[in-house]
Amino acid sequence: MIDAGAPLDLFDTTHDSSPLGWAVHGSRYSGDAAAREADYVEIARMLLEAGSSLHYPDRPADDAYRQRLLADASTGVERVLRETSHEDH
């Protein structure tokens, strides 16, 4: 889907979350998440490398979404988010 041009920073209207946000949330809260953490790490890395943003679309200079993601992430996914936080995503 990413290669086909799926929008990476489309936020749902119910939970105000992007595909990256859902991957982050799943890394901690989905059933058996701990056993599948490597999968969530890979998904987060793939989304970030494809250009997913760590910011709300209407607030690119605001750090609130990044902070929300960091608070919600499993340890491995948090590490990936912190690795890319210095880049302009």
N, C-alpha and C. Protein backbone atom coordinates (compact mmCIF):
# COMPACT_ATOMS: atom_id res chain seq x y z
N MET A 1 0.80 -1.20 0.00
CA MET A 1 0.00 0.00 0.00
C MET A 1 0.85 1.27 0.00
N ILE A 2 1.94 1.26 0.74
CA ILE A 2 2.79 2.45 0.77
C ILE A 2 3.33 2.72 -0.63
N ASP A 3 3.81 1.69 -1.30
CA ASP A 3 4.35 1.85 -2.65
C ASP A 3 3.29 2.33 -3.64
N ALA A 4 2.03 2.03 -3.35
CA ALA A 4 0.94 2.45 -4.23
C ALA A 4 0.51 3.88 -3.96
N GLY A 5 1.11 4.52 -2.96
CA GLY A 5 0.81 5.93 -2.68
C GLY A 5 -0.24 6.16 -1.62
N ALA A 6 -0.47 5.19 -0.75
CA ALA A 6 -1.43 5.38 0.33
C ALA A 6 -1.02 6.59 1.17
N PRO A 7 -2.00 7.41 1.57
CA PRO A 7 -1.67 8.59 2.38
C PRO A 7 -1.15 8.19 3.75
N LEU A 8 0.00 8.70 4.13
CA LEU A 8 0.64 8.33 5.38
C LEU A 8 0.19 9.18 6.55
N ASP A 9 -0.28 10.37 6.28
CA ASP A 9 -0.62 11.29 7.36
C ASP A 9 -2.08 11.68 7.36
N LEU A 10 -2.92 10.74 6.97
CA LEU A 10 -4.36 10.93 7.02
C LEU A 10 -4.80 10.51 8.42
N PHE A 11 -5.37 11.44 9.17
CA PHE A 11 -5.79 11.17 10.55
C PHE A 11 -7.26 10.80 10.58
N ASP A 12 -7.60 9.75 11.35
CA ASP A 12 -9.01 9.39 11.48
C ASP A 12 -9.70 10.42 12.37
N THR A 13 -10.98 10.57 12.18
CA THR A 13 -11.71 11.63 12.89
C THR A 13 -12.18 11.20 14.28
N THR A 14 -12.16 9.91 14.57
CA THR A 14 -12.61 9.44 15.88
C THR A 14 -11.50 9.53 16.92
N HIS A 15 -10.31 9.06 16.58
CA HIS A 15 -9.22 9.01 17.55
C HIS A 15 -8.08 9.96 17.22
N ASP A 16 -8.23 10.71 16.13
CA ASP A 16 -7.21 11.69 15.71
C ASP A 16 -5.84 11.05 15.64
N SER A 17 -5.75 9.96 14.86
CA SER A 17 -4.51 9.21 14.77
C SER A 17 -4.22 8.83 13.32
N SER A 18 -2.94 8.81 12.99
CA SER A 18 -2.47 8.43 11.66
C SER A 18 -2.15 6.94 11.63
N PRO A 19 -1.82 6.37 10.47
CA PRO A 19 -1.37 4.97 10.44
C PRO A 19 -0.20 4.72 11.40
N LEU A 20 0.73 5.66 11.48
CA LEU A 20 1.83 5.52 12.42
C LEU A 20 1.30 5.47 13.85
N GLY A 21 0.35 6.31 14.16
CA GLY A 21 -0.24 6.32 15.49
C GLY A 21 -0.90 5.00 15.84
N TRP A 22 -1.57 4.40 14.87
CA TRP A 22 -2.20 3.10 15.11
C TRP A 22 -1.16 2.01 15.31
N ALA A 23 -0.07 2.07 14.57
CA ALA A 23 1.01 1.08 14.76
C ALA A 23 1.62 1.25 16.15
N VAL A 24 1.83 2.50 16.56
CA VAL A 24 2.37 2.78 17.89
C VAL A 24 1.43 2.24 18.97
N HIS A 25 0.17 2.54 18.85
CA HIS A 25 -0.83 2.08 19.82
C HIS A 25 -0.86 0.54 19.87
N GLY A 26 -0.87 -0.08 18.71
CA GLY A 26 -0.89 -1.54 18.66
C GLY A 26 0.33 -2.17 19.29
N SER A 27 1.46 -1.47 19.22
CA SER A 27 2.70 -2.03 19.77
C SER A 27 2.62 -2.26 21.27
N ARG A 28 1.70 -1.59 21.91
CA ARG A 28 1.55 -1.75 23.36
C ARG A 28 0.23 -2.41 23.75
N TYR A 29 -0.83 -2.16 22.99
CA TYR A 29 -2.16 -2.54 23.46
C TYR A 29 -2.86 -3.65 22.68
N SER A 30 -2.35 -4.06 21.54
CA SER A 30 -3.04 -5.12 20.82
C SER A 30 -2.78 -6.46 21.50
N GLY A 31 -3.64 -7.42 21.27
CA GLY A 31 -3.47 -8.74 21.87
C GLY A 31 -2.13 -9.34 21.51
N ASP A 32 -1.41 -9.81 22.50
CA ASP A 32 -0.10 -10.44 22.31
C ASP A 32 0.93 -9.48 21.70
N ALA A 33 0.79 -8.21 21.98
CA ALA A 33 1.68 -7.19 21.42
C ALA A 33 3.14 -7.43 21.77
N ALA A 34 3.40 -7.83 22.99
CA ALA A 34 4.79 -8.02 23.41
C ALA A 34 5.49 -9.09 22.58
N ALA A 35 4.77 -10.14 22.25
CA ALA A 35 5.36 -11.22 21.45
C ALA A 35 5.58 -10.80 20.01
N ARG A 36 4.87 -9.77 19.57
CA ARG A 36 4.99 -9.30 18.18
C ARG A 36 5.65 -7.94 18.08
N GLU A 37 6.37 -7.53 19.11
CA GLU A 37 6.97 -6.20 19.10
C GLU A 37 7.88 -5.97 17.89
N ALA A 38 8.62 -6.97 17.48
CA ALA A 38 9.52 -6.80 16.32
C ALA A 38 8.73 -6.41 15.07
N ASP A 39 7.52 -6.95 14.94
CA ASP A 39 6.67 -6.59 13.79
C ASP A 39 6.27 -5.11 13.87
N TYR A 40 5.89 -4.66 15.05
CA TYR A 40 5.50 -3.27 15.22
C TYR A 40 6.69 -2.32 15.01
N VAL A 41 7.85 -2.73 15.46
CA VAL A 41 9.06 -1.94 15.22
C VAL A 41 9.28 -1.79 13.73
N GLU A 42 9.15 -2.87 12.99
CA GLU A 42 9.36 -2.84 11.54
C GLU A 42 8.31 -1.98 10.85
N ILE A 43 7.06 -2.08 11.27
CA ILE A 43 5.99 -1.26 10.68
C ILE A 43 6.26 0.21 10.94
N ALA A 44 6.60 0.56 12.17
CA ALA A 44 6.89 1.97 12.50
C ALA A 44 8.07 2.47 11.68
N ARG A 45 9.11 1.68 11.59
CA ARG A 45 10.29 2.08 10.81
C ARG A 45 9.92 2.28 9.33
N MET A 46 9.13 1.36 8.80
CA MET A 46 8.73 1.44 7.40
C MET A 46 7.90 2.70 7.15
N LEU A 47 6.96 2.99 8.03
CA LEU A 47 6.13 4.19 7.86
C LEU A 47 6.96 5.47 7.96
N LEU A 48 7.87 5.51 8.90
CA LEU A 48 8.72 6.70 9.06
C LEU A 48 9.65 6.88 7.86
N GLU A 49 10.23 5.79 7.38
CA GLU A 49 11.11 5.88 6.20
C GLU A 49 10.34 6.30 4.96
N ALA A 50 9.05 5.98 4.91
CA ALA A 50 8.22 6.37 3.77
C ALA A 50 7.76 7.82 3.86
N GLY A 51 7.97 8.45 5.03
CA GLY A 51 7.64 9.86 5.16
C GLY A 51 6.56 10.21 6.16
N SER A 52 6.12 9.26 6.98
CA SER A 52 5.12 9.58 8.01
C SER A 52 5.65 10.67 8.93
N SER A 53 4.75 11.54 9.31
CA SER A 53 5.12 12.68 10.14
C SER A 53 4.94 12.37 11.62
N LEU A 54 5.71 13.05 12.43
CA LEU A 54 5.57 12.97 13.88
C LEU A 54 4.80 14.18 14.41
N HIS A 55 4.08 14.85 13.53
CA HIS A 55 3.35 16.06 13.89
C HIS A 55 1.92 16.00 13.36
N TYR A 56 1.03 16.70 14.03
CA TYR A 56 -0.33 16.85 13.50
C TYR A 56 -0.23 17.65 12.21
N PRO A 57 -1.03 17.30 11.19
CA PRO A 57 -0.91 17.98 9.89
C PRO A 57 -1.10 19.49 9.95
N ASP A 58 -1.99 19.95 10.81
CA ASP A 58 -2.25 21.39 10.88
C ASP A 58 -1.33 22.12 11.86
N ARG A 59 -0.40 21.37 12.48
CA ARG A 59 0.52 21.98 13.45
C ARG A 59 1.94 21.40 13.27
N PRO A 60 2.58 21.66 12.14
CA PRO A 60 3.87 21.03 11.87
C PRO A 60 4.99 21.44 12.82
N ALA A 61 4.86 22.56 13.50
CA ALA A 61 5.91 23.00 14.42
C ALA A 61 5.64 22.55 15.86
N ASP A 62 4.48 21.98 16.09
CA ASP A 62 4.04 21.55 17.42
C ASP A 62 4.54 20.12 17.68
N ASP A 63 5.02 19.86 18.87
CA ASP A 63 5.57 18.56 19.23
C ASP A 63 4.56 17.65 19.93
N ALA A 64 3.29 18.05 20.00
CA ALA A 64 2.29 17.32 20.78
C ALA A 64 2.06 15.90 20.26
N TYR A 65 1.99 15.71 18.94
CA TYR A 65 1.74 14.36 18.42
C TYR A 65 2.93 13.45 18.69
N ARG A 66 4.12 13.96 18.51
CA ARG A 66 5.32 13.17 18.81
C ARG A 66 5.32 12.73 20.26
N GLN A 67 5.00 13.64 21.16
CA GLN A 67 4.96 13.31 22.59
C GLN A 67 3.88 12.26 22.88
N ARG A 68 2.75 12.38 22.22
CA ARG A 68 1.67 11.39 22.37
C ARG A 68 2.14 10.02 21.90
N LEU A 69 2.82 9.98 20.76
CA LEU A 69 3.32 8.71 20.23
C LEU A 69 4.35 8.09 21.18
N LEU A 70 5.27 8.90 21.66
CA LEU A 70 6.29 8.39 22.58
C LEU A 70 5.67 7.81 23.85
N ALA A 71 4.64 8.45 24.36
CA ALA A 71 3.98 7.98 25.58
C ALA A 71 3.21 6.69 25.35
N ASP A 72 2.76 6.46 24.14
CA ASP A 72 1.90 5.31 23.81
C ASP A 72 2.70 4.10 23.34
N ALA A 73 3.94 4.29 22.96
CA ALA A 73 4.72 3.25 22.28
C ALA A 73 5.31 2.20 23.22
N SER A 74 5.50 1.01 22.66
CA SER A 74 6.28 -0.01 23.36
C SER A 74 7.74 0.45 23.37
N THR A 75 8.55 -0.21 24.13
CA THR A 75 9.96 0.18 24.25
C THR A 75 10.68 0.19 22.90
N GLY A 76 10.50 -0.86 22.11
CA GLY A 76 11.18 -0.94 20.82
C GLY A 76 10.70 0.11 19.84
N VAL A 77 9.40 0.34 19.79
CA VAL A 77 8.86 1.36 18.88
C VAL A 77 9.24 2.75 19.36
N GLU A 78 9.26 2.96 20.65
CA GLU A 78 9.72 4.26 21.18
C GLU A 78 11.15 4.54 20.72
N ARG A 79 11.99 3.54 20.72
CA ARG A 79 13.38 3.70 20.29
C ARG A 79 13.42 4.16 18.82
N VAL A 80 12.60 3.55 17.98
CA VAL A 80 12.55 3.94 16.56
C VAL A 80 12.07 5.38 16.42
N LEU A 81 11.06 5.75 17.18
CA LEU A 81 10.55 7.13 17.13
C LEU A 81 11.62 8.13 17.55
N ARG A 82 12.36 7.79 18.58
CA ARG A 82 13.42 8.70 19.06
C ARG A 82 14.56 8.78 18.05
N GLU A 83 14.87 7.69 17.36
CA GLU A 83 15.92 7.70 16.34
C GLU A 83 15.58 8.66 15.22
N THR A 84 14.31 8.76 14.89
CA THR A 84 13.91 9.61 13.76
C THR A 84 13.43 10.99 14.20
N SER A 85 13.35 11.23 15.50
CA SER A 85 12.80 12.50 15.95
C SER A 85 13.67 13.70 15.60
N HIS A 86 14.94 13.47 15.34
CA HIS A 86 15.81 14.58 14.96
C HIS A 86 15.64 14.96 13.49
N GLU A 87 15.00 14.09 12.72
CA GLU A 87 14.75 14.38 11.31
C GLU A 87 13.48 15.21 11.19
N ASP A 88 13.31 15.86 10.09
CA ASP A 88 12.15 16.71 9.88
C ASP A 88 11.02 15.89 9.26
N HIS A 89 10.32 15.14 10.08
CA HIS A 89 9.18 14.34 9.61
C HIS A 89 7.90 15.05 9.93
